Amino acid sequence: MANIIKLAGVSVDADDPCALKAVLEVVRLKLVAGENTEEYSLMSPVTRETVRFSPGNLKALDMEIDRLNRACLVKQNKRPPSRRRLLRY
């Protein structure tokens, strides 16, 4: 049975690592591009400050995309890259 979730406005099967990876890559691009940026302005009679931040953890998102990429390769009966190749200098 398909486990359909809505992520970034797209319905995707949560049990399909290839489809989920594709959607998370789009989310990552939006996050890097600053599409989800929040801005707050604080004003006083003397100063004005503007604070911008982006909700999200890019490192955790990259780790999840990498995990899903490996799961997708296994699902397609392909061999994921070895750890030895990933740790090249």
N, C-alpha and C. Protein backbone atom coordinates (compact mmCIF):
# COMPACT_ATOMS: atom_id res chain seq x y z
N MET A 1 0.85 -1.19 0.00
CA MET A 1 0.00 0.00 0.00
C MET A 1 0.89 1.24 0.00
N ALA A 2 0.57 2.19 -0.84
CA ALA A 2 1.35 3.41 -0.98
C ALA A 2 1.12 4.34 0.20
N ASN A 3 2.18 4.93 0.67
CA ASN A 3 2.14 5.89 1.76
C ASN A 3 2.34 7.28 1.15
N ILE A 4 1.26 7.91 0.70
CA ILE A 4 1.33 9.19 0.00
C ILE A 4 1.42 10.33 1.00
N ILE A 5 2.43 11.19 0.81
CA ILE A 5 2.56 12.40 1.62
C ILE A 5 2.67 13.59 0.67
N LYS A 6 2.39 14.77 1.19
CA LYS A 6 2.51 15.99 0.40
C LYS A 6 3.73 16.75 0.89
N LEU A 7 4.67 16.98 -0.02
CA LEU A 7 5.93 17.64 0.32
C LEU A 7 6.22 18.69 -0.74
N ALA A 8 6.38 19.91 -0.34
CA ALA A 8 6.65 21.02 -1.26
C ALA A 8 5.55 21.15 -2.31
N GLY A 9 4.33 20.86 -1.91
CA GLY A 9 3.19 20.99 -2.83
C GLY A 9 3.04 19.84 -3.80
N VAL A 10 3.83 18.77 -3.62
CA VAL A 10 3.79 17.62 -4.52
C VAL A 10 3.41 16.38 -3.73
N SER A 11 2.47 15.60 -4.23
CA SER A 11 2.14 14.33 -3.60
C SER A 11 3.15 13.28 -4.04
N VAL A 12 3.75 12.61 -3.07
CA VAL A 12 4.81 11.64 -3.36
C VAL A 12 4.65 10.43 -2.45
N ASP A 13 5.03 9.27 -2.95
CA ASP A 13 5.00 8.05 -2.16
C ASP A 13 6.21 8.04 -1.23
N ALA A 14 5.97 8.01 0.08
CA ALA A 14 7.06 8.06 1.06
C ALA A 14 7.87 6.77 1.07
N ASP A 15 7.34 5.70 0.51
CA ASP A 15 8.05 4.43 0.48
C ASP A 15 8.94 4.29 -0.76
N ASP A 16 8.87 5.23 -1.69
CA ASP A 16 9.68 5.20 -2.90
C ASP A 16 10.86 6.16 -2.73
N PRO A 17 12.07 5.63 -2.47
CA PRO A 17 13.20 6.53 -2.20
C PRO A 17 13.60 7.38 -3.40
N CYS A 18 13.38 6.88 -4.61
CA CYS A 18 13.77 7.66 -5.80
C CYS A 18 12.88 8.90 -5.97
N ALA A 19 11.58 8.73 -5.79
CA ALA A 19 10.66 9.86 -5.91
C ALA A 19 10.86 10.85 -4.78
N LEU A 20 11.08 10.34 -3.58
CA LEU A 20 11.27 11.21 -2.43
C LEU A 20 12.56 12.01 -2.56
N LYS A 21 13.61 11.38 -3.09
CA LYS A 21 14.89 12.08 -3.30
C LYS A 21 14.73 13.22 -4.30
N ALA A 22 13.97 12.98 -5.36
CA ALA A 22 13.76 14.02 -6.37
C ALA A 22 13.04 15.24 -5.77
N VAL A 23 12.05 14.99 -4.92
CA VAL A 23 11.32 16.10 -4.31
C VAL A 23 12.20 16.83 -3.31
N LEU A 24 13.00 16.10 -2.53
CA LEU A 24 13.87 16.75 -1.56
C LEU A 24 14.97 17.57 -2.23
N GLU A 25 15.40 17.16 -3.41
CA GLU A 25 16.38 17.97 -4.15
C GLU A 25 15.77 19.30 -4.57
N VAL A 26 14.49 19.30 -4.93
CA VAL A 26 13.80 20.54 -5.26
C VAL A 26 13.68 21.43 -4.02
N VAL A 27 13.36 20.82 -2.88
CA VAL A 27 13.27 21.56 -1.62
C VAL A 27 14.62 22.18 -1.28
N ARG A 28 15.71 21.42 -1.49
CA ARG A 28 17.05 21.92 -1.21
C ARG A 28 17.38 23.12 -2.09
N LEU A 29 17.04 23.04 -3.37
CA LEU A 29 17.30 24.16 -4.28
C LEU A 29 16.53 25.41 -3.85
N LYS A 30 15.29 25.23 -3.42
CA LYS A 30 14.51 26.37 -2.94
C LYS A 30 15.12 26.97 -1.69
N LEU A 31 15.63 26.11 -0.81
CA LEU A 31 16.24 26.58 0.42
C LEU A 31 17.53 27.34 0.14
N VAL A 32 18.35 26.82 -0.78
CA VAL A 32 19.61 27.48 -1.14
C VAL A 32 19.34 28.80 -1.86
N ALA A 33 18.30 28.83 -2.68
CA ALA A 33 17.97 30.05 -3.43
C ALA A 33 17.37 31.13 -2.54
N GLY A 34 17.00 30.78 -1.32
CA GLY A 34 16.46 31.78 -0.40
C GLY A 34 14.97 32.01 -0.57
N GLU A 35 14.29 31.04 -1.15
CA GLU A 35 12.86 31.20 -1.37
C GLU A 35 12.07 31.17 -0.07
N ASN A 36 12.57 30.46 0.92
CA ASN A 36 11.87 30.33 2.20
C ASN A 36 12.46 31.25 3.27
N THR A 37 12.97 32.39 2.88
CA THR A 37 13.61 33.30 3.81
C THR A 37 12.57 34.17 4.52
N GLU A 38 12.75 34.31 5.81
CA GLU A 38 11.90 35.18 6.62
C GLU A 38 12.70 36.42 6.98
N GLU A 39 12.01 37.55 7.07
CA GLU A 39 12.69 38.80 7.40
C GLU A 39 11.89 39.55 8.46
N TYR A 40 12.58 40.00 9.49
CA TYR A 40 11.96 40.78 10.55
C TYR A 40 12.71 42.10 10.70
N SER A 41 11.98 43.16 10.90
CA SER A 41 12.57 44.47 11.11
C SER A 41 12.23 44.96 12.51
N LEU A 42 13.23 45.43 13.21
CA LEU A 42 13.06 46.01 14.54
C LEU A 42 13.44 47.47 14.45
N MET A 43 12.51 48.33 14.81
CA MET A 43 12.78 49.77 14.72
C MET A 43 12.61 50.42 16.09
N SER A 44 13.50 51.31 16.38
CA SER A 44 13.39 52.15 17.57
C SER A 44 13.65 53.58 17.11
N PRO A 45 13.47 54.55 17.97
CA PRO A 45 13.74 55.93 17.54
C PRO A 45 15.19 56.16 17.14
N VAL A 46 16.11 55.31 17.61
CA VAL A 46 17.52 55.52 17.35
C VAL A 46 18.04 54.63 16.22
N THR A 47 17.64 53.37 16.18
CA THR A 47 18.20 52.42 15.22
C THR A 47 17.12 51.63 14.48
N ARG A 48 17.57 50.97 13.44
CA ARG A 48 16.69 50.06 12.71
C ARG A 48 17.51 48.82 12.36
N GLU A 49 17.01 47.65 12.74
CA GLU A 49 17.70 46.41 12.46
C GLU A 49 16.80 45.49 11.64
N THR A 50 17.40 44.80 10.69
CA THR A 50 16.68 43.82 9.89
C THR A 50 17.38 42.48 10.06
N VAL A 51 16.60 41.47 10.39
CA VAL A 51 17.13 40.14 10.61
C VAL A 51 16.52 39.21 9.57
N ARG A 52 17.38 38.46 8.86
CA ARG A 52 16.90 37.46 7.89
C ARG A 52 17.36 36.09 8.35
N PHE A 53 16.46 35.13 8.24
CA PHE A 53 16.85 33.76 8.51
C PHE A 53 16.04 32.83 7.64
N SER A 54 16.57 31.64 7.49
CA SER A 54 15.93 30.64 6.66
C SER A 54 15.69 29.40 7.50
N PRO A 55 14.44 29.01 7.67
CA PRO A 55 14.17 27.81 8.47
C PRO A 55 14.60 26.57 7.69
N GLY A 56 15.39 25.75 8.30
CA GLY A 56 15.83 24.53 7.65
C GLY A 56 17.26 24.20 8.03
N ASN A 57 17.59 22.94 7.95
CA ASN A 57 18.93 22.47 8.28
C ASN A 57 19.51 21.84 7.02
N LEU A 58 20.38 22.57 6.33
CA LEU A 58 20.92 22.13 5.05
C LEU A 58 21.75 20.86 5.19
N LYS A 59 22.50 20.75 6.27
CA LYS A 59 23.34 19.56 6.46
C LYS A 59 22.47 18.32 6.64
N ALA A 60 21.43 18.41 7.44
CA ALA A 60 20.54 17.27 7.64
C ALA A 60 19.81 16.91 6.34
N LEU A 61 19.44 17.92 5.57
CA LEU A 61 18.77 17.68 4.29
C LEU A 61 19.71 16.98 3.31
N ASP A 62 20.97 17.40 3.27
CA ASP A 62 21.95 16.74 2.41
C ASP A 62 22.18 15.29 2.82
N MET A 63 22.22 15.04 4.12
CA MET A 63 22.39 13.67 4.60
C MET A 63 21.21 12.79 4.21
N GLU A 64 20.01 13.33 4.29
CA GLU A 64 18.81 12.56 3.93
C GLU A 64 18.77 12.30 2.42
N ILE A 65 19.17 13.28 1.62
CA ILE A 65 19.21 13.08 0.17
C ILE A 65 20.23 12.00 -0.18
N ASP A 66 21.37 12.00 0.50
CA ASP A 66 22.39 10.98 0.26
C ASP A 66 21.88 9.60 0.65
N ARG A 67 21.19 9.50 1.78
CA ARG A 67 20.62 8.22 2.23
C ARG A 67 19.60 7.71 1.22
N LEU A 68 18.74 8.61 0.75
CA LEU A 68 17.72 8.22 -0.23
C LEU A 68 18.36 7.84 -1.57
N ASN A 69 19.46 8.49 -1.93
CA ASN A 69 20.15 8.14 -3.16
C ASN A 69 20.69 6.71 -3.09
N ARG A 70 21.27 6.35 -1.95
CA ARG A 70 21.76 4.98 -1.77
C ARG A 70 20.60 3.98 -1.81
N ALA A 71 19.49 4.29 -1.14
CA ALA A 71 18.34 3.39 -1.14
C ALA A 71 17.76 3.25 -2.55
N CYS A 72 17.78 4.33 -3.32
CA CYS A 72 17.28 4.29 -4.69
C CYS A 72 18.17 3.39 -5.56
N LEU A 73 19.48 3.49 -5.38
CA LEU A 73 20.40 2.64 -6.14
C LEU A 73 20.20 1.16 -5.80
N VAL A 74 19.98 0.87 -4.53
CA VAL A 74 19.74 -0.51 -4.11
C VAL A 74 18.43 -1.01 -4.71
N LYS A 75 17.41 -0.15 -4.73
CA LYS A 75 16.11 -0.53 -5.29
C LYS A 75 16.24 -0.84 -6.79
N GLN A 76 17.11 -0.13 -7.47
CA GLN A 76 17.31 -0.34 -8.91
C GLN A 76 18.34 -1.43 -9.20
N ASN A 77 18.75 -2.16 -8.17
CA ASN A 77 19.76 -3.22 -8.27
C ASN A 77 21.10 -2.70 -8.78
N LYS A 78 21.42 -1.48 -8.41
CA LYS A 78 22.73 -0.92 -8.73
C LYS A 78 23.53 -0.84 -7.44
N ARG A 79 24.83 -0.82 -7.58
CA ARG A 79 25.69 -0.79 -6.41
C ARG A 79 25.99 0.65 -6.01
N PRO A 80 25.69 1.02 -4.77
CA PRO A 80 26.04 2.38 -4.33
C PRO A 80 27.56 2.54 -4.26
N PRO A 81 28.06 3.76 -4.37
CA PRO A 81 29.51 3.97 -4.30
C PRO A 81 30.04 3.56 -2.93
N SER A 82 31.22 2.99 -2.95
CA SER A 82 31.82 2.54 -1.69
C SER A 82 32.26 3.73 -0.86
N ARG A 83 32.42 3.50 0.40
CA ARG A 83 32.86 4.56 1.29
C ARG A 83 34.29 5.00 0.95
N ARG A 84 35.06 4.07 0.45
CA ARG A 84 36.43 4.38 0.08
C ARG A 84 36.48 5.45 -1.01
N ARG A 85 35.60 5.36 -1.98
CA ARG A 85 35.56 6.36 -3.05
C ARG A 85 35.04 7.69 -2.56
N LEU A 86 34.17 7.67 -1.58
CA LEU A 86 33.60 8.91 -1.06
C LEU A 86 34.61 9.71 -0.25
N LEU A 87 35.61 9.04 0.33
CA LEU A 87 36.55 9.71 1.21
C LEU A 87 37.86 10.09 0.50
N ARG A 88 37.81 10.32 -0.79
CA ARG A 88 39.01 10.72 -1.51
C ARG A 88 39.38 12.15 -1.15
N TYR A 89 40.66 12.44 -1.18
CA TYR A 89 41.13 13.78 -0.81
C TYR A 89 41.23 14.68 -2.01
